[in-house]
Amino acid sequence: PSPPPPRPGAPRPPPPPPPGPSQRRGAVLQPVKKRGWPKGKKRKKILPNGPKAPVTGYVRFLNERREQIRTRHPDLPFPEITKMLGAEWSKLQPAEKQRYLDEAEREKQQYMRELRAYQQSEAYKMCAEKLQEKKIKKEDSGSGLMNTLLNGHKGGDCDGFSTFDVPIFTEEFLDQNKAREAELRRLRKMNVAFEEQNAVLQRHTQSMSSARERLETSYSRAARWAFLGGSQGPGLGGIDPRPPSWHVWKC
């Protein structure tokens, strides 16, 4: 049976809510795209048979403590784990923190020795020659300079020290971002200080210009008054510009 008609003056019932995506007829759920390698981001080049690049003391601390935090908090995302470890690193005792820094320094010295030995090897020389040939071809085609400006990397790919080759969402990437943010904050403060100095100098320049205009106006009035031989008129700084002979002649 059909529902009875509404009485005159009675409020109308609210319309039903629109159907959701799962209730729509013929709706197709789109699969969630997996986050791949960022477009335009160059992967970090690995030296063929070369020594492994060292990490900082902070990164050593992160690598040592990350698995413990993951075991304790399995549902915690990676950025939150890094944030927790960063706070823990800042509160770490100096002696304990120095242990990681000393280990990182020893690893760095070992890496430098191995790198110098590797740079004398045939593998490194072959890699350098190939990269030099590739660079010459790029320059001949006219794209070498543009690629250098876009990639921010002027040298070869075998140096292993390019700051633009660090993979995203890694400890090195976070460390570089932190250092760049600190540098940006310092530059912003310097910019604000320079702007304040420029404002003070601009006000001083305007004040000097106004004083100069006043002096020029006073001088021109005094000179015109003296030339016309006026008996009264504005002087220059309270000094009577009339020559002494004028007083004698008047008497």
Protein backbone atom coordinates (compact mmCIF):
# COMPACT_ATOMS: atom_id res chain seq x y z
CA PRO A 1 0.00 0.00 0.00
CA SER A 2 1.16 3.54 -0.81
CA PRO A 3 2.01 5.83 2.14
CA PRO A 4 -0.68 8.35 3.11
CA PRO A 5 -0.20 11.87 1.75
CA PRO A 6 1.31 14.37 4.18
CA ARG A 7 -1.05 16.62 6.03
CA PRO A 8 -1.07 20.31 5.06
CA GLY A 9 1.48 22.26 7.11
CA ALA A 10 3.29 19.14 8.31
CA PRO A 11 7.12 19.24 7.95
CA ARG A 12 8.53 17.15 5.15
CA PRO A 13 10.90 14.34 6.09
CA PRO A 14 14.56 14.93 5.16
CA PRO A 15 15.75 13.32 1.93
CA PRO A 16 17.75 10.11 2.25
CA PRO A 17 21.55 10.49 2.15
CA PRO A 18 23.25 9.85 -1.19
CA PRO A 19 24.57 6.33 -1.67
CA GLY A 20 28.22 5.78 -0.87
CA PRO A 21 30.84 4.60 -3.33
CA SER A 22 30.25 0.97 -2.38
CA GLN A 23 26.43 1.32 -2.79
CA ARG A 24 26.45 2.96 -6.22
CA ARG A 25 25.40 0.72 -9.03
CA GLY A 26 28.27 -0.02 -11.35
CA ALA A 27 30.87 1.69 -9.16
CA VAL A 28 34.39 0.34 -9.58
CA LEU A 29 36.88 0.72 -6.76
CA GLN A 30 40.20 2.03 -8.00
CA PRO A 31 43.22 0.18 -6.64
CA VAL A 32 45.60 2.22 -4.52
CA LYS A 33 48.72 3.08 -6.44
CA LYS A 34 51.98 1.99 -4.93
CA ARG A 35 54.46 4.76 -4.34
CA GLY A 36 57.36 4.10 -6.66
CA TRP A 37 60.58 5.99 -7.23
CA PRO A 38 59.86 9.74 -7.53
CA LYS A 39 59.77 11.01 -11.10
CA GLY A 40 62.92 12.87 -12.00
CA LYS A 41 64.77 11.69 -8.87
CA LYS A 42 68.10 10.11 -9.70
CA ARG A 43 68.97 6.95 -7.85
CA LYS A 44 72.14 6.88 -5.85
CA LYS A 45 75.01 5.48 -7.86
CA ILE A 46 77.01 2.69 -6.28
CA LEU A 47 80.71 2.54 -6.92
CA PRO A 48 81.55 -0.68 -8.78
CA ASN A 49 83.54 -2.77 -6.32
CA GLY A 50 84.16 0.40 -4.34
CA PRO A 51 84.15 0.93 -0.57
CA LYS A 52 80.88 1.55 1.21
CA ALA A 53 80.33 5.17 2.15
CA PRO A 54 80.41 5.83 5.91
CA VAL A 55 77.51 7.16 7.95
CA THR A 56 77.41 9.78 10.67
CA GLY A 57 77.21 9.06 14.37
CA TYR A 58 73.55 10.04 14.39
CA VAL A 59 72.77 7.59 11.58
CA ARG A 60 74.63 4.84 13.42
CA PHE A 61 72.48 5.53 16.44
CA LEU A 62 69.32 5.40 14.30
CA ASN A 63 70.31 2.11 12.69
CA GLU A 64 71.05 0.57 16.07
CA ARG A 65 67.86 1.69 17.80
CA ARG A 66 65.33 1.49 14.96
CA GLU A 67 64.68 -2.24 15.16
CA GLN A 68 64.16 -2.01 18.90
CA ILE A 69 61.56 0.72 18.43
CA ARG A 70 59.86 -1.25 15.65
CA THR A 71 59.65 -4.32 17.87
CA ARG A 72 58.21 -2.26 20.70
CA HIS A 73 55.83 -0.24 18.47
CA PRO A 74 55.08 -2.33 15.35
CA ASP A 75 52.26 -0.03 14.14
CA LEU A 76 54.29 3.17 14.37
CA PRO A 77 55.09 4.72 10.95
CA PHE A 78 58.63 5.42 9.85
CA PRO A 79 58.51 9.24 10.31
CA GLU A 80 57.24 8.86 13.88
CA ILE A 81 60.01 6.37 14.67
CA THR A 82 62.59 8.80 13.32
CA LYS A 83 61.06 11.62 15.37
CA MET A 84 61.21 9.52 18.55
CA LEU A 85 64.82 8.56 17.87
CA GLY A 86 65.72 12.19 17.18
CA ALA A 87 64.32 13.22 20.56
CA GLU A 88 66.15 10.33 22.21
CA TRP A 89 69.41 11.37 20.51
CA SER A 90 69.06 14.94 21.74
CA LYS A 91 68.62 13.70 25.33
CA LEU A 92 71.47 11.20 25.12
CA GLN A 93 74.34 11.60 27.57
CA PRO A 94 77.46 13.22 26.05
CA ALA A 95 79.62 10.19 26.83
CA GLU A 96 77.18 7.79 25.17
CA LYS A 97 76.76 10.12 22.20
CA GLN A 98 80.53 10.44 21.83
CA ARG A 99 80.75 6.66 21.44
CA TYR A 100 78.72 6.80 18.22
CA LEU A 101 80.69 9.80 16.99
CA ASP A 102 84.01 8.05 17.60
CA GLU A 103 82.82 4.95 15.75
CA ALA A 104 81.68 7.11 12.84
CA GLU A 105 85.06 8.88 12.75
CA ARG A 106 86.94 5.57 12.69
CA GLU A 107 84.70 4.33 9.90
CA LYS A 108 85.26 7.55 7.97
CA GLN A 109 89.05 7.26 8.25
CA GLN A 110 88.87 3.64 7.10
CA TYR A 111 86.67 4.66 4.19
CA MET A 112 89.08 7.40 3.10
CA ARG A 113 91.97 4.93 3.09
CA GLU A 114 89.97 2.40 1.08
CA LEU A 115 88.76 5.11 -1.30
CA ARG A 116 92.29 6.30 -2.03
CA ALA A 117 93.32 2.73 -2.74
CA TYR A 118 90.25 2.20 -4.91
CA GLN A 119 90.94 5.35 -6.95
CA GLN A 120 94.24 3.79 -7.99
CA SER A 121 92.55 0.60 -9.22
CA GLU A 122 91.71 -0.24 -12.83
CA ALA A 123 87.97 -0.43 -12.12
CA TYR A 124 87.84 3.18 -11.00
CA LYS A 125 89.94 4.35 -13.97
CA MET A 126 87.64 2.54 -16.41
CA CYS A 127 84.60 4.07 -14.75
CA ALA A 128 86.14 7.54 -14.89
CA GLU A 129 86.97 7.11 -18.59
CA LYS A 130 83.43 6.00 -19.43
CA LEU A 131 81.94 8.91 -17.55
CA GLN A 132 84.32 11.32 -19.26
CA GLU A 133 83.26 10.00 -22.66
CA LYS A 134 79.62 10.29 -21.66
CA LYS A 135 80.16 13.85 -20.50
CA ILE A 136 81.86 14.79 -23.79
CA LYS A 137 78.96 13.34 -25.77
CA LYS A 138 76.49 15.35 -23.72
CA GLU A 139 78.45 18.53 -24.26
CA ASP A 140 78.65 17.86 -27.99
CA SER A 141 74.90 17.38 -28.20
CA GLY A 142 74.32 20.67 -26.38
CA SER A 143 72.56 19.12 -23.42
CA GLY A 144 75.48 18.86 -21.05
CA LEU A 145 75.06 22.29 -19.52
CA MET A 146 71.29 21.94 -19.18
CA ASN A 147 71.62 18.55 -17.50
CA THR A 148 74.18 20.01 -15.12
CA LEU A 149 71.84 22.83 -14.13
CA LEU A 150 68.83 20.55 -13.75
CA ASN A 151 70.59 17.74 -11.91
CA GLY A 152 72.74 20.05 -9.77
CA HIS A 153 75.73 17.76 -10.35
CA LYS A 154 78.65 18.92 -12.46
CA GLY A 155 81.08 16.10 -11.91
CA GLY A 156 80.98 12.41 -12.73
CA ASP A 157 78.77 9.81 -11.17
CA CYS A 158 81.65 7.85 -9.63
CA ASP A 159 82.58 10.36 -6.96
CA GLY A 160 79.88 9.08 -4.61
CA PHE A 161 79.57 12.40 -2.78
CA SER A 162 76.73 14.15 -4.65
CA THR A 163 74.10 15.51 -2.27
CA PHE A 164 71.47 15.13 -5.00
CA ASP A 165 71.93 11.35 -5.27
CA VAL A 166 70.63 10.54 -1.79
CA PRO A 167 67.49 8.35 -1.95
CA ILE A 168 64.36 9.89 -0.50
CA PHE A 169 63.02 8.89 2.95
CA THR A 170 66.39 7.62 4.21
CA GLU A 171 68.48 8.70 7.16
CA GLU A 172 70.91 10.59 4.94
CA PHE A 173 67.99 12.34 3.24
CA LEU A 174 66.55 13.43 6.60
CA ASP A 175 69.95 14.61 7.82
CA GLN A 176 70.46 16.71 4.69
CA ASN A 177 66.97 18.17 4.97
CA LYS A 178 67.63 19.08 8.59
CA ALA A 179 70.90 20.80 7.69
CA ARG A 180 69.28 22.65 4.78
CA GLU A 181 66.41 23.83 6.96
CA ALA A 182 68.89 25.18 9.52
CA GLU A 183 70.79 26.96 6.73
CA LEU A 184 67.53 28.43 5.38
CA ARG A 185 66.60 29.71 8.85
CA ARG A 186 70.01 31.34 9.17
CA LEU A 187 69.69 32.96 5.74
CA ARG A 188 66.20 34.22 6.57
CA LYS A 189 67.50 35.85 9.76
CA MET A 190 70.33 37.46 7.80
CA ASN A 191 67.83 38.68 5.21
CA VAL A 192 65.66 40.25 7.91
CA ALA A 193 68.70 41.95 9.47
CA PHE A 194 69.78 43.31 6.07
CA GLU A 195 66.28 44.60 5.38
CA GLU A 196 66.26 46.42 8.73
CA GLN A 197 69.66 47.95 7.99
CA ASN A 198 68.46 49.03 4.55
CA ALA A 199 65.38 50.64 6.10
CA VAL A 200 67.55 52.59 8.58
CA LEU A 201 69.90 53.71 5.81
CA GLN A 202 66.98 54.72 3.63
CA ARG A 203 65.51 56.86 6.42
CA HIS A 204 68.92 58.43 7.02
CA THR A 205 69.29 59.16 3.30
CA GLN A 206 65.86 60.77 3.18
CA SER A 207 66.71 62.90 6.22
CA MET A 208 69.97 64.04 4.65
CA SER A 209 68.19 64.86 1.39
CA SER A 210 65.60 66.95 3.23
CA ALA A 211 68.32 68.82 5.15
CA ARG A 212 70.19 69.49 1.92
CA GLU A 213 67.05 70.86 0.25
CA ARG A 214 66.42 73.16 3.22
CA LEU A 215 69.98 74.47 3.12
CA GLU A 216 69.83 75.06 -0.62
CA THR A 217 66.51 76.91 -0.26
CA SER A 218 67.86 79.10 2.56
CA TYR A 219 71.02 79.89 0.62
CA SER A 220 69.13 80.81 -2.56
CA ARG A 221 66.79 83.09 -0.62
CA ALA A 222 69.69 84.81 1.17
CA ALA A 223 71.63 85.28 -2.06
CA ARG A 224 68.59 86.72 -3.85
CA TRP A 225 67.88 89.06 -0.94
CA ALA A 226 71.48 90.29 -0.89
CA PHE A 227 71.48 90.81 -4.67
CA LEU A 228 68.28 92.87 -4.56
CA GLY A 229 69.58 94.91 -1.60
CA GLY A 230 66.58 94.25 0.56
CA SER A 231 66.57 95.81 4.00
CA GLN A 232 64.87 92.89 5.62
CA GLY A 233 64.71 89.28 4.71
CA PRO A 234 65.72 85.83 5.81
CA GLY A 235 69.35 85.27 6.51
CA LEU A 236 71.46 82.17 6.23
CA GLY A 237 71.71 80.59 9.62
CA GLY A 238 71.11 83.88 11.47
CA ILE A 239 74.01 85.66 9.69
CA ASP A 240 73.41 88.95 7.94
CA PRO A 241 74.61 88.39 4.36
CA ARG A 242 74.84 92.15 3.56
CA PRO A 243 78.38 93.40 2.97
CA PRO A 244 79.87 95.93 5.45
CA SER A 245 79.99 98.68 2.76
CA TRP A 246 76.23 98.55 2.54
CA HIS A 247 75.92 99.56 6.20
CA VAL A 248 78.38 102.43 5.73
CA TRP A 249 76.62 103.72 2.61
CA LYS A 250 73.25 103.59 4.36
CA CYS A 251 74.54 105.66 7.26
